[in-house]
C-alpha atoms as a PDB file:
ATOM      1  CA  UNK A   1     -39.179 -20.575  20.930  1.00  0.00           C
ATOM      2  CA  UNK A   2     -36.679 -20.078  23.746  1.00  0.00           C
ATOM      3  CA  UNK A   3     -34.996 -16.802  24.671  1.00  0.00           C
ATOM      4  CA  UNK A   4     -32.530 -15.562  27.144  1.00  0.00           C
ATOM      5  CA  UNK A   5     -30.004 -13.109  27.995  1.00  0.00           C
ATOM      6  CA  UNK A   6     -26.444 -14.466  28.139  1.00  0.00           C
ATOM      7  CA  UNK A   7     -23.789 -12.811  30.294  1.00  0.00           C
ATOM      8  CA  UNK A   8     -20.338 -13.335  28.481  1.00  0.00           C
ATOM      9  CA  UNK A   9     -18.421 -11.064  30.755  1.00  0.00           C
ATOM     10  CA  UNK A  10     -15.926  -8.502  29.703  1.00  0.00           C
ATOM     11  CA  UNK A  11     -14.896  -8.186  26.135  1.00  0.00           C
ATOM     12  CA  UNK A  12     -11.927  -6.564  24.684  1.00  0.00           C
ATOM     13  CA  UNK A  13     -12.934  -4.602  21.322  1.00  0.00           C
ATOM     14  CA  UNK A  14     -10.621  -4.484  18.278  1.00  0.00           C
ATOM     15  CA  UNK A  15     -10.497  -0.553  18.872  1.00  0.00           C
ATOM     16  CA  UNK A  16      -8.546  -1.208  22.168  1.00  0.00           C
ATOM     17  CA  UNK A  17     -11.546  -0.475  24.487  1.00  0.00           C
ATOM     18  CA  UNK A  18     -12.690  -2.980  27.267  1.00  0.00           C
ATOM     19  CA  UNK A  19     -16.467  -3.528  27.734  1.00  0.00           C
ATOM     20  CA  UNK A  20     -16.449  -4.681  31.239  1.00  0.00           C
ATOM     21  CA  UNK A  21     -19.867  -6.549  30.998  1.00  0.00           C
ATOM     22  CA  UNK A  22     -21.408  -7.667  27.909  1.00  0.00           C
ATOM     23  CA  UNK A  23     -24.560  -9.328  27.327  1.00  0.00           C
ATOM     24  CA  UNK A  24     -26.027 -11.409  24.183  1.00  0.00           C
ATOM     25  CA  UNK A  25     -29.793 -11.769  23.474  1.00  0.00           C
ATOM     26  CA  UNK A  26     -30.243 -15.198  22.161  1.00  0.00           C
ATOM     27  CA  UNK A  27     -33.463 -16.775  20.503  1.00  0.00           C
ATOM     28  CA  UNK A  28     -33.605 -20.510  20.018  1.00  0.00           C
ATOM     29  CA  UNK A  29     -36.082 -22.417  17.731  1.00  0.00           C
ATOM     30  CA  UNK A  30     -35.888 -26.296  18.144  1.00  0.00           C
ATOM     31  CA  UNK A  31     -33.630 -28.405  20.217  1.00  0.00           C
ATOM     32  CA  UNK A  32     -30.233 -26.817  21.267  1.00  0.00           C
ATOM     33  CA  UNK A  33     -28.888 -30.401  21.748  1.00  0.00           C
ATOM     34  CA  UNK A  34     -29.444 -31.143  17.853  1.00  0.00           C
ATOM     35  CA  UNK A  35     -26.571 -31.916  15.623  1.00  0.00           C
ATOM     36  CA  UNK A  36     -27.674 -29.498  12.990  1.00  0.00           C
ATOM     37  CA  UNK A  37     -27.423 -26.106  14.400  1.00  0.00           C
ATOM     38  CA  UNK A  38     -27.888 -23.016  12.097  1.00  0.00           C
ATOM     39  CA  UNK A  39     -26.802 -19.673  13.348  1.00  0.00           C
ATOM     40  CA  UNK A  40     -28.695 -17.001  11.404  1.00  0.00           C
ATOM     41  CA  UNK A  41     -27.080 -13.415  11.636  1.00  0.00           C
ATOM     42  CA  UNK A  42     -29.249 -10.672  11.080  1.00  0.00           C
ATOM     43  CA  UNK A  43     -28.871  -7.684   9.081  1.00  0.00           C
ATOM     44  CA  UNK A  44     -28.302  -3.866  10.027  1.00  0.00           C
ATOM     45  CA  UNK A  45     -31.792  -3.493  11.797  1.00  0.00           C
ATOM     46  CA  UNK A  46     -32.541  -7.084  12.757  1.00  0.00           C
ATOM     47  CA  UNK A  47     -33.011  -8.858  15.959  1.00  0.00           C
ATOM     48  CA  UNK A  48     -32.371 -12.242  17.460  1.00  0.00           C
ATOM     49  CA  UNK A  49     -36.074 -13.327  16.542  1.00  0.00           C
ATOM     50  CA  UNK A  50     -35.223 -14.478  13.272  1.00  0.00           C
ATOM     51  CA  UNK A  51     -38.572 -16.114  12.323  1.00  0.00           C
ATOM     52  CA  UNK A  52     -40.144 -12.388  12.832  1.00  0.00           C
ATOM     53  CA  UNK A  53     -37.959 -10.962  10.094  1.00  0.00           C
ATOM     54  CA  UNK A  54     -37.241 -14.115   7.832  1.00  0.00           C
ATOM     55  CA  UNK A  55     -40.689 -16.130   8.022  1.00  0.00           C
ATOM     56  CA  UNK A  56     -40.181 -17.130   4.420  1.00  0.00           C
ATOM     57  CA  UNK A  57     -37.045 -19.141   5.418  1.00  0.00           C
ATOM     58  CA  UNK A  58     -37.457 -20.222   9.241  1.00  0.00           C
ATOM     59  CA  UNK A  59     -40.383 -21.718  10.620  1.00  0.00           C
ATOM     60  CA  UNK A  60     -42.599 -25.022  10.318  1.00  0.00           C
ATOM     61  CA  UNK A  61     -42.459 -26.410   6.800  1.00  0.00           C
ATOM     62  CA  UNK A  62     -39.765 -23.907   5.626  1.00  0.00           C
ATOM     63  CA  UNK A  63     -36.092 -24.661   4.718  1.00  0.00           C
ATOM     64  CA  UNK A  64     -34.700 -24.130   8.212  1.00  0.00           C
ATOM     65  CA  UNK A  65     -37.633 -25.829  10.082  1.00  0.00           C
ATOM     66  CA  UNK A  66     -37.063 -26.242  13.822  1.00  0.00           C
ATOM     67  CA  UNK A  67     -38.295 -29.669  13.665  1.00  0.00           C
ATOM     68  CA  UNK A  68     -35.110 -30.567  11.590  1.00  0.00           C
ATOM     69  CA  UNK A  69     -32.600 -27.720  12.568  1.00  0.00           C
ATOM     70  CA  UNK A  70     -31.866 -25.904  15.665  1.00  0.00           C
ATOM     71  CA  UNK A  71     -32.203 -22.270  14.738  1.00  0.00           C
ATOM     72  CA  UNK A  72     -30.372 -19.759  16.639  1.00  0.00           C
ATOM     73  CA  UNK A  73     -30.510 -15.953  16.398  1.00  0.00           C
ATOM     74  CA  UNK A  74     -28.406 -13.684  18.493  1.00  0.00           C
ATOM     75  CA  UNK A  75     -28.851  -9.859  18.510  1.00  0.00           C
ATOM     76  CA  UNK A  76     -25.558  -8.312  17.602  1.00  0.00           C
ATOM     77  CA  UNK A  77     -23.271  -6.591  20.127  1.00  0.00           C
ATOM     78  CA  UNK A  78     -24.305  -2.934  19.488  1.00  0.00           C
ATOM     79  CA  UNK A  79     -27.720  -3.845  18.648  1.00  0.00           C
ATOM     80  CA  UNK A  80     -30.808  -2.270  20.448  1.00  0.00           C
ATOM     81  CA  UNK A  81     -32.801  -5.766  20.915  1.00  0.00           C
ATOM     82  CA  UNK A  82     -31.577  -6.818  24.038  1.00  0.00           C
ATOM     83  CA  UNK A  83     -27.795  -7.080  23.686  1.00  0.00           C
ATOM     84  CA  UNK A  84     -25.349  -4.855  25.014  1.00  0.00           C
ATOM     85  CA  UNK A  85     -25.117  -1.601  22.986  1.00  0.00           C
ATOM     86  CA  UNK A  86     -25.719   2.137  23.069  1.00  0.00           C
ATOM     87  CA  UNK A  87     -29.218   1.706  24.131  1.00  0.00           C
ATOM     88  CA  UNK A  88     -28.265  -0.936  26.890  1.00  0.00           C
ATOM     89  CA  UNK A  89     -24.732  -0.024  27.722  1.00  0.00           C
ATOM     90  CA  UNK A  90     -24.326  -2.112  30.867  1.00  0.00           C
ATOM     91  CA  UNK A  91     -22.474  -1.150  34.127  1.00  0.00           C
ATOM     92  CA  UNK A  92     -19.187   0.358  33.511  1.00  0.00           C
ATOM     93  CA  UNK A  93     -19.443   1.077  29.783  1.00  0.00           C
ATOM     94  CA  UNK A  94     -17.767   4.030  28.521  1.00  0.00           C
ATOM     95  CA  UNK A  95     -19.649   7.064  27.189  1.00  0.00           C
ATOM     96  CA  UNK A  96     -19.995   7.270  24.286  1.00  0.00           C
ATOM     97  CA  UNK A  97     -20.352   3.912  23.341  1.00  0.00           C
ATOM     98  CA  UNK A  98     -17.235   2.723  21.567  1.00  0.00           C
ATOM     99  CA  UNK A  99     -16.827   1.453  17.956  1.00  0.00           C
ATOM    100  CA  UNK A 100     -17.376  -2.247  17.292  1.00  0.00           C
ATOM    101  CA  UNK A 101     -16.143  -4.258  14.582  1.00  0.00           C
ATOM    102  CA  UNK A 102     -17.889  -7.334  12.810  1.00  0.00           C
ATOM    103  CA  UNK A 103     -15.194  -9.411  14.434  1.00  0.00           C
ATOM    104  CA  UNK A 104     -16.255  -8.018  17.747  1.00  0.00           C
ATOM    105  CA  UNK A 105     -19.861  -9.081  17.052  1.00  0.00           C
ATOM    106  CA  UNK A 106     -18.720 -12.768  16.193  1.00  0.00           C
ATOM    107  CA  UNK A 107     -16.422 -13.193  19.128  1.00  0.00           C
ATOM    108  CA  UNK A 108     -19.349 -11.978  21.291  1.00  0.00           C
ATOM    109  CA  UNK A 109     -21.620 -14.790  19.722  1.00  0.00           C
ATOM    110  CA  UNK A 110     -19.021 -17.306  19.897  1.00  0.00           C
ATOM    111  CA  UNK A 111     -18.706 -16.883  23.568  1.00  0.00           C
ATOM    112  CA  UNK A 112     -22.437 -16.771  24.194  1.00  0.00           C
ATOM    113  CA  UNK A 113     -22.839 -20.064  22.210  1.00  0.00           C
ATOM    114  CA  UNK A 114     -20.179 -21.670  24.191  1.00  0.00           C
ATOM    115  CA  UNK A 115     -21.912 -20.807  27.275  1.00  0.00           C
ATOM    116  CA  UNK A 116     -25.025 -22.439  25.958  1.00  0.00           C
ATOM    117  CA  UNK A 117     -23.169 -25.615  25.075  1.00  0.00           C
ATOM    118  CA  UNK A 118     -23.237 -25.070  21.324  1.00  0.00           C
ATOM    119  CA  UNK A 119     -19.786 -25.841  20.256  1.00  0.00           C
ATOM    120  CA  UNK A 120     -20.557 -26.456  16.367  1.00  0.00           C
ATOM    121  CA  UNK A 121     -22.500 -24.935  13.721  1.00  0.00           C
ATOM    122  CA  UNK A 122     -23.634 -26.876  10.691  1.00  0.00           C
ATOM    123  CA  UNK A 123     -24.272 -23.386   8.919  1.00  0.00           C
ATOM    124  CA  UNK A 124     -23.878 -19.777   9.603  1.00  0.00           C
ATOM    125  CA  UNK A 125     -25.885 -17.796   7.278  1.00  0.00           C
ATOM    126  CA  UNK A 126     -27.002 -14.153   6.875  1.00  0.00           C
ATOM    127  CA  UNK A 127     -27.425 -11.412   4.212  1.00  0.00           C
ATOM    128  CA  UNK A 128     -25.902  -7.900   4.094  1.00  0.00           C
ATOM    129  CA  UNK A 129     -24.418  -7.269   7.650  1.00  0.00           C
ATOM    130  CA  UNK A 130     -25.445 -10.813   8.470  1.00  0.00           C
ATOM    131  CA  UNK A 131     -23.345 -12.162   5.575  1.00  0.00           C
ATOM    132  CA  UNK A 132     -20.423 -10.166   6.760  1.00  0.00           C
ATOM    133  CA  UNK A 133     -20.890 -11.775  10.076  1.00  0.00           C
ATOM    134  CA  UNK A 134     -21.014 -15.398   8.492  1.00  0.00           C
ATOM    135  CA  UNK A 135     -17.893 -14.948   6.441  1.00  0.00           C
ATOM    136  CA  UNK A 136     -16.065 -13.619   9.693  1.00  0.00           C
ATOM    137  CA  UNK A 137     -17.189 -16.829  11.409  1.00  0.00           C
ATOM    138  CA  UNK A 138     -15.826 -18.825   8.675  1.00  0.00           C
ATOM    139  CA  UNK A 139     -12.467 -16.997   8.963  1.00  0.00           C
ATOM    140  CA  UNK A 140     -12.015 -16.675  12.771  1.00  0.00           C
ATOM    141  CA  UNK A 141     -13.542 -20.159  13.769  1.00  0.00           C
ATOM    142  CA  UNK A 142     -13.387 -22.494  10.839  1.00  0.00           C
ATOM    143  CA  UNK A 143     -13.246 -25.296  12.885  1.00  0.00           C
ATOM    144  CA  UNK A 144     -16.393 -24.899  14.490  1.00  0.00           C
ATOM    145  CA  UNK A 145     -18.292 -23.918  11.162  1.00  0.00           C
ATOM    146  CA  UNK A 146     -19.181 -26.638   8.546  1.00  0.00           C
ATOM    147  CA  UNK A 147     -20.792 -23.839   6.142  1.00  0.00           C
ATOM    148  CA  UNK A 148     -20.874 -20.233   5.880  1.00  0.00           C
ATOM    149  CA  UNK A 149     -23.510 -18.859   3.540  1.00  0.00           C
ATOM    150  CA  UNK A 150     -22.744 -15.112   2.476  1.00  0.00           C
ATOM    151  CA  UNK A 151     -26.008 -13.492   0.739  1.00  0.00           C
ATOM    152  CA  UNK A 152     -25.906  -9.946  -0.647  1.00  0.00           C
ATOM    153  CA  UNK A 153     -22.262  -9.090   0.850  1.00  0.00           C
ATOM    154  CA  UNK A 154     -18.895  -9.770   0.019  1.00  0.00           C
ATOM    155  CA  UNK A 155     -15.235  -9.369   1.454  1.00  0.00           C
ATOM    156  CA  UNK A 156     -15.288  -5.563   1.885  1.00  0.00           C
ATOM    157  CA  UNK A 157     -17.692  -2.756   2.056  1.00  0.00           C
ATOM    158  CA  UNK A 158     -17.450  -0.592  -1.072  1.00  0.00           C
ATOM    159  CA  UNK A 159     -16.564   2.937  -1.307  1.00  0.00           C
ATOM    160  CA  UNK A 160     -20.098   3.826  -2.399  1.00  0.00           C
ATOM    161  CA  UNK A 161     -21.555   1.772   0.604  1.00  0.00           C
ATOM    162  CA  UNK A 162     -19.470   3.701   3.043  1.00  0.00           C
ATOM    163  CA  UNK A 163     -20.379   7.045   1.133  1.00  0.00           C
ATOM    164  CA  UNK A 164     -24.101   6.109   1.718  1.00  0.00           C
ATOM    165  CA  UNK A 165     -23.565   5.064   5.147  1.00  0.00           C
ATOM    166  CA  UNK A 166     -21.848   8.457   5.961  1.00  0.00           C
ATOM    167  CA  UNK A 167     -24.824  10.505   4.383  1.00  0.00           C
ATOM    168  CA  UNK A 168     -27.236   8.578   6.797  1.00  0.00           C
ATOM    169  CA  UNK A 169     -24.903   9.425   9.930  1.00  0.00           C
ATOM    170  CA  UNK A 170     -24.749  13.026   8.935  1.00  0.00           C
ATOM    171  CA  UNK A 171     -28.427  13.124   8.984  1.00  0.00           C
ATOM    172  CA  UNK A 172     -28.654  11.450  12.394  1.00  0.00           C
ATOM    173  CA  UNK A 173     -26.048  14.198  13.653  1.00  0.00           C
ATOM    174  CA  UNK A 174     -28.360  16.923  12.619  1.00  0.00           C
ATOM    175  CA  UNK A 175     -31.320  15.903  14.289  1.00  0.00           C
ATOM    176  CA  UNK A 176     -31.670  12.268  15.791  1.00  0.00           C
ATOM    177  CA  UNK A 177     -35.414  11.784  15.151  1.00  0.00           C
ATOM    178  CA  UNK A 178     -35.858  13.602  11.833  1.00  0.00           C
ATOM    179  CA  UNK A 179     -32.557  12.287  10.634  1.00  0.00           C
ATOM    180  CA  UNK A 180     -33.405   8.667  11.583  1.00  0.00           C
ATOM    181  CA  UNK A 181     -36.230   8.892   9.284  1.00  0.00           C
ATOM    182  CA  UNK A 182     -34.067  10.286   6.548  1.00  0.00           C
ATOM    183  CA  UNK A 183     -31.385   7.772   7.062  1.00  0.00           C
ATOM    184  CA  UNK A 184     -34.051   5.207   6.549  1.00  0.00           C
ATOM    185  CA  UNK A 185     -35.383   6.569   3.493  1.00  0.00           C
ATOM    186  CA  UNK A 186     -31.707   6.639   1.916  1.00  0.00           C
ATOM    187  CA  UNK A 187     -31.214   3.025   2.966  1.00  0.00           C
ATOM    188  CA  UNK A 188     -34.366   2.067   1.334  1.00  0.00           C
ATOM    189  CA  UNK A 189     -33.268   3.421  -1.831  1.00  0.00           C
ATOM    190  CA  UNK A 190     -30.305   1.371  -1.724  1.00  0.00           C
ATOM    191  CA  UNK A 191     -32.210  -1.701  -0.743  1.00  0.00           C
ATOM    192  CA  UNK A 192     -34.499  -1.712  -3.817  1.00  0.00           C
ATOM    193  CA  UNK A 193     -33.990  -1.446  -7.728  1.00  0.00           C
ATOM    194  CA  UNK A 194     -35.334   0.962 -10.254  1.00  0.00           C
ATOM    195  CA  UNK A 195     -37.230  -1.839 -11.936  1.00  0.00           C
ATOM    196  CA  UNK A 196     -39.109  -2.502  -8.775  1.00  0.00           C
ATOM    197  CA  UNK A 197     -39.980   1.062  -7.862  1.00  0.00           C
ATOM    198  CA  UNK A 198     -41.012   1.485 -11.708  1.00  0.00           C
ATOM    199  CA  UNK A 199     -43.268  -1.649 -11.258  1.00  0.00           C
ATOM    200  CA  UNK A 200     -44.807  -0.745  -7.939  1.00  0.00           C
ATOM    201  CA  UNK A 201     -44.883   3.015  -7.982  1.00  0.00           C
ATOM    202  CA  UNK A 202     -43.965   4.368 -11.298  1.00  0.00           C
ATOM    203  CA  UNK A 203     -45.304   8.137 -11.356  1.00  0.00           C
ATOM    204  CA  UNK A 204     -48.477   7.348  -9.974  1.00  0.00           C
ATOM    205  CA  UNK A 205     -50.238   9.747  -7.278  1.00  0.00           C
ATOM    206  CA  UNK A 206     -50.364   8.863  -3.771  1.00  0.00           C
ATOM    207  CA  UNK A 207     -52.619   5.946  -2.980  1.00  0.00           C
ATOM    208  CA  UNK A 208     -54.100   7.651  -0.115  1.00  0.00           C
ATOM    209  CA  UNK A 209     -55.024  10.931  -1.915  1.00  0.00           C
ATOM    210  CA  UNK A 210     -52.365  12.917  -0.341  1.00  0.00           C
ATOM    211  CA  UNK A 211     -50.559  15.696  -2.438  1.00  0.00           C
ATOM    212  CA  UNK A 212     -47.447  13.737  -3.413  1.00  0.00           C
ATOM    213  CA  UNK A 213     -46.340  10.665  -5.388  1.00  0.00           C
ATOM    214  CA  UNK A 214     -46.837   7.240  -4.320  1.00  0.00           C
ATOM    215  CA  UNK A 215     -43.175   6.422  -4.003  1.00  0.00           C
ATOM    216  CA  UNK A 216     -42.970   9.465  -1.652  1.00  0.00           C
ATOM    217  CA  UNK A 217     -45.764   7.963   0.567  1.00  0.00           C
ATOM    218  CA  UNK A 218     -44.055   4.534   0.499  1.00  0.00           C
ATOM    219  CA  UNK A 219     -40.845   6.174   1.865  1.00  0.00           C
ATOM    220  CA  UNK A 220     -42.920   7.918   4.444  1.00  0.00           C
ATOM    221  CA  UNK A 221     -44.467   4.619   5.649  1.00  0.00           C
ATOM    222  CA  UNK A 222     -41.198   3.136   5.950  1.00  0.00           C
ATOM    223  CA  UNK A 223     -39.970   5.844   8.034  1.00  0.00           C
ATOM    224  CA  UNK A 224     -42.737   5.597  10.294  1.00  0.00           C
ATOM    225  CA  UNK A 225     -42.327   1.937  11.039  1.00  0.00           C
ATOM    226  CA  UNK A 226     -38.633   2.583  11.456  1.00  0.00           C
ATOM    227  CA  UNK A 227     -38.709   5.420  13.736  1.00  0.00           C
ATOM    228  CA  UNK A 228     -40.887   3.438  16.336  1.00  0.00           C
ATOM    229  CA  UNK A 229     -38.373   0.604  16.404  1.00  0.00           C
ATOM    230  CA  UNK A 230     -34.804   1.567  15.945  1.00  0.00           C
ATOM    231  CA  UNK A 231     -32.355   3.579  18.127  1.00  0.00           C
ATOM    232  CA  UNK A 232     -30.219   6.292  16.394  1.00  0.00           C
ATOM    233  CA  UNK A 233     -27.156   5.738  18.140  1.00  0.00           C
ATOM    234  CA  UNK A 234     -27.380   2.048  17.235  1.00  0.00           C
ATOM    235  CA  UNK A 235     -27.926   2.571  13.699  1.00  0.00           C
ATOM    236  CA  UNK A 236     -24.817   4.943  13.572  1.00  0.00           C
ATOM    237  CA  UNK A 237     -22.687   2.352  15.446  1.00  0.00           C
ATOM    238  CA  UNK A 238     -23.692  -0.634  13.445  1.00  0.00           C
ATOM    239  CA  UNK A 239     -23.174   1.480   9.958  1.00  0.00           C
ATOM    240  CA  UNK A 240     -19.702   2.108  11.065  1.00  0.00           C
ATOM    241  CA  UNK A 241     -18.986  -1.526  11.791  1.00  0.00           C
ATOM    242  CA  UNK A 242     -20.230  -2.368   8.325  1.00  0.00           C
ATOM    243  CA  UNK A 243     -17.841   0.421   6.847  1.00  0.00           C
ATOM    244  CA  UNK A 244     -14.775  -1.138   8.715  1.00  0.00           C
ATOM    245  CA  UNK A 245     -15.448  -4.639   7.133  1.00  0.00           C
ATOM    246  CA  UNK A 246     -12.573  -5.686   4.901  1.00  0.00           C
ATOM    247  CA  UNK A 247     -11.338  -9.200   4.800  1.00  0.00           C
ATOM    248  CA  UNK A 248      -9.617  -9.146   1.365  1.00  0.00           C
ATOM    249  CA  UNK A 249      -6.195  -9.804   2.722  1.00  0.00           C
ATOM    250  CA  UNK A 250      -7.294 -12.812   4.912  1.00  0.00           C
ATOM    251  CA  UNK A 251      -6.223 -16.303   4.496  1.00  0.00           C
ATOM    252  CA  UNK A 252      -8.674 -18.858   3.061  1.00  0.00           C
ATOM    253  CA  UNK A 253     -10.588 -20.829   5.675  1.00  0.00           C
ATOM    254  CA  UNK A 254      -9.433 -24.514   5.164  1.00  0.00           C
ATOM    255  CA  UNK A 255     -12.113 -26.386   6.852  1.00  0.00           C
ATOM    256  CA  UNK A 256     -15.487 -24.283   6.430  1.00  0.00           C
ATOM    257  CA  UNK A 257     -17.135 -24.299   3.046  1.00  0.00           C
ATOM    258  CA  UNK A 258     -18.211 -20.883   1.584  1.00  0.00           C
ATOM    259  CA  UNK A 259     -21.199 -20.127  -0.545  1.00  0.00           C
ATOM    260  CA  UNK A 260     -21.610 -16.545  -1.837  1.00  0.00           C
ATOM    261  CA  UNK A 261     -24.901 -15.423  -3.207  1.00  0.00           C
ATOM    262  CA  UNK A 262     -25.216 -12.391  -5.253  1.00  0.00           C
ATOM    263  CA  UNK A 263     -28.488 -10.787  -6.077  1.00  0.00           C
ATOM    264  CA  UNK A 264     -28.954  -9.873  -9.743  1.00  0.00           C
ATOM    265  CA  UNK A 265     -30.677  -6.580  -9.199  1.00  0.00           C
ATOM    266  CA  UNK A 266     -28.620  -5.382  -6.044  1.00  0.00           C
ATOM    267  CA  UNK A 267     -26.579  -2.286  -6.621  1.00  0.00           C
ATOM    268  CA  UNK A 268     -25.243  -1.800  -3.177  1.00  0.00           C
ATOM    269  CA  UNK A 269     -23.466  -5.200  -3.096  1.00  0.00           C
ATOM    270  CA  UNK A 270     -23.060  -5.811  -6.786  1.00  0.00           C
ATOM    271  CA  UNK A 271     -23.086  -9.530  -7.783  1.00  0.00           C
ATOM    272  CA  UNK A 272     -19.859  -9.114  -9.725  1.00  0.00           C
ATOM    273  CA  UNK A 273     -18.250  -8.224  -6.547  1.00  0.00           C
ATOM    274  CA  UNK A 274     -19.888 -11.114  -4.718  1.00  0.00           C
ATOM    275  CA  UNK A 275     -18.626 -13.608  -7.221  1.00  0.00           C
ATOM    276  CA  UNK A 276     -15.024 -11.860  -7.254  1.00  0.00           C
ATOM    277  CA  UNK A 277     -14.963 -12.642  -3.760  1.00  0.00           C
ATOM    278  CA  UNK A 278     -16.028 -16.288  -4.087  1.00  0.00           C
ATOM    279  CA  UNK A 279     -13.476 -16.868  -6.657  1.00  0.00           C
ATOM    280  CA  UNK A 280     -10.580 -15.044  -4.702  1.00  0.00           C
ATOM    281  CA  UNK A 281     -11.027 -17.414  -1.808  1.00  0.00           C
ATOM    282  CA  UNK A 282     -11.386 -20.404  -4.004  1.00  0.00           C
ATOM    283  CA  UNK A 283      -8.068 -19.420  -5.683  1.00  0.00           C
ATOM    284  CA  UNK A 284      -6.620 -19.479  -2.095  1.00  0.00           C
ATOM    285  CA  UNK A 285      -7.664 -23.144  -1.772  1.00  0.00           C
ATOM    286  CA  UNK A 286     -11.005 -22.762   0.026  1.00  0.00           C
ATOM    287  CA  UNK A 287     -14.248 -24.756  -0.923  1.00  0.00           C
ATOM    288  CA  UNK A 288     -15.975 -21.617  -2.105  1.00  0.00           C
ATOM    289  CA  UNK A 289     -18.521 -21.196  -4.854  1.00  0.00           C
ATOM    290  CA  UNK A 290     -20.903 -18.566  -6.222  1.00  0.00           C
ATOM    291  CA  UNK A 291     -24.627 -18.638  -6.761  1.00  0.00           C
ATOM    292  CA  UNK A 292     -27.090 -15.940  -8.194  1.00  0.00           C
ATOM    293  CA  UNK A 293     -30.391 -15.082  -6.931  1.00  0.00           C
ATOM    294  CA  UNK A 294     -32.323 -13.611  -9.867  1.00  0.00           C
ATOM    295  CA  UNK A 295     -34.809 -11.077  -8.841  1.00  0.00           C
ATOM    296  CA  UNK A 296     -35.977  -7.372  -9.416  1.00  0.00           C
ATOM    297  CA  UNK A 297     -36.185  -6.626  -5.742  1.00  0.00           C
ATOM    298  CA  UNK A 298     -32.641  -5.427  -5.323  1.00  0.00           C
ATOM    299  CA  UNK A 299     -30.570  -5.963  -2.075  1.00  0.00           C
ATOM    300  CA  UNK A 300     -33.901  -6.939  -0.251  1.00  0.00           C
ATOM    301  CA  UNK A 301     -34.370 -10.007  -2.334  1.00  0.00           C
ATOM    302  CA  UNK A 302     -32.860 -12.267   0.186  1.00  0.00           C
ATOM    303  CA  UNK A 303     -35.716 -11.299   2.306  1.00  0.00           C
ATOM    304  CA  UNK A 304     -38.579 -11.212  -0.452  1.00  0.00           C
ATOM    305  CA  UNK A 305     -37.574 -14.306  -2.734  1.00  0.00           C
ATOM    306  CA  UNK A 306     -37.858 -17.055  -0.171  1.00  0.00           C
ATOM    307  CA  UNK A 307     -38.645 -19.599  -2.627  1.00  0.00           C
ATOM    308  CA  UNK A 308     -35.936 -18.868  -4.910  1.00  0.00           C
ATOM    309  CA  UNK A 309     -33.319 -18.544  -2.131  1.00  0.00           C
ATOM    310  CA  UNK A 310     -34.358 -21.894  -0.717  1.00  0.00           C
ATOM    311  CA  UNK A 311     -33.944 -23.561  -4.173  1.00  0.00           C
ATOM    312  CA  UNK A 312     -30.189 -22.337  -3.924  1.00  0.00           C
ATOM    313  CA  UNK A 313     -29.819 -23.375  -0.373  1.00  0.00           C
ATOM    314  CA  UNK A 314     -31.080 -27.074  -1.317  1.00  0.00           C
ATOM    315  CA  UNK A 315     -27.517 -28.172  -1.430  1.00  0.00           C
ATOM    316  CA  UNK A 316     -27.164 -27.506   2.440  1.00  0.00           C
ATOM    317  CA  UNK A 317     -29.842 -29.951   3.208  1.00  0.00           C
END
């Protein structure tokens, strides 16, 4: 594994603001000179260390084995794990940190990769916010991408998704620390399915003997973990970026293939909407297809169901 911070210079954002000095935190597994480079775009709370949060897909013997692929992860613009963002604004950055878009994230990534000598990507893949980035890559840089794999995401963020993000940001505005915990609990509910919660928790009492239900203890545990690793300003910024994502009017990428993967139990990005996005791009002439990951894990299935996802991705090999 190799990690470095790449200085890409000034970046003009879609909102009109100029960031005078932008850094991108990059992690590379395998040989960067390889002809099979995969960029793995992380979701809302991820980092460039993709093997840390996607160990079932990246690593020795896994689908993206660094012995066979050059695997690249980049902490998104606005993130809090080494790239320029509210937690690491850099010299001359305006205060408060300006709004960013998924397109801004992708443009920053493309410039960082160019500086590293990586001009072509065999695959760009990601789930949720990562899926939005993968699709944006195919639309903005189709000649540099062979395939984009969009998992648990589609061509816009829905009204329900925007509303849920707005509630989480309202919690942050009331109290950054306690609000971050509440925001994580709300998000966890959107990432799981009712079937999974019933199977794991039902109405059982707390497994540690506290005066609460087991599902309450689970949410508290998730909030504890999240509070230690996430910056509240970053969380607000990246949820705004997700809300602004809408490429339904975009022309079809003529050179990059698209694979949309819906998740059967996902109610945040419903599979019918993922399928509709795949069909819309296909109707415009793109090489676009749909596959479905069957799971009770909800939106998080792309993280939890590694073997089933690898079976879907087999066509990329």
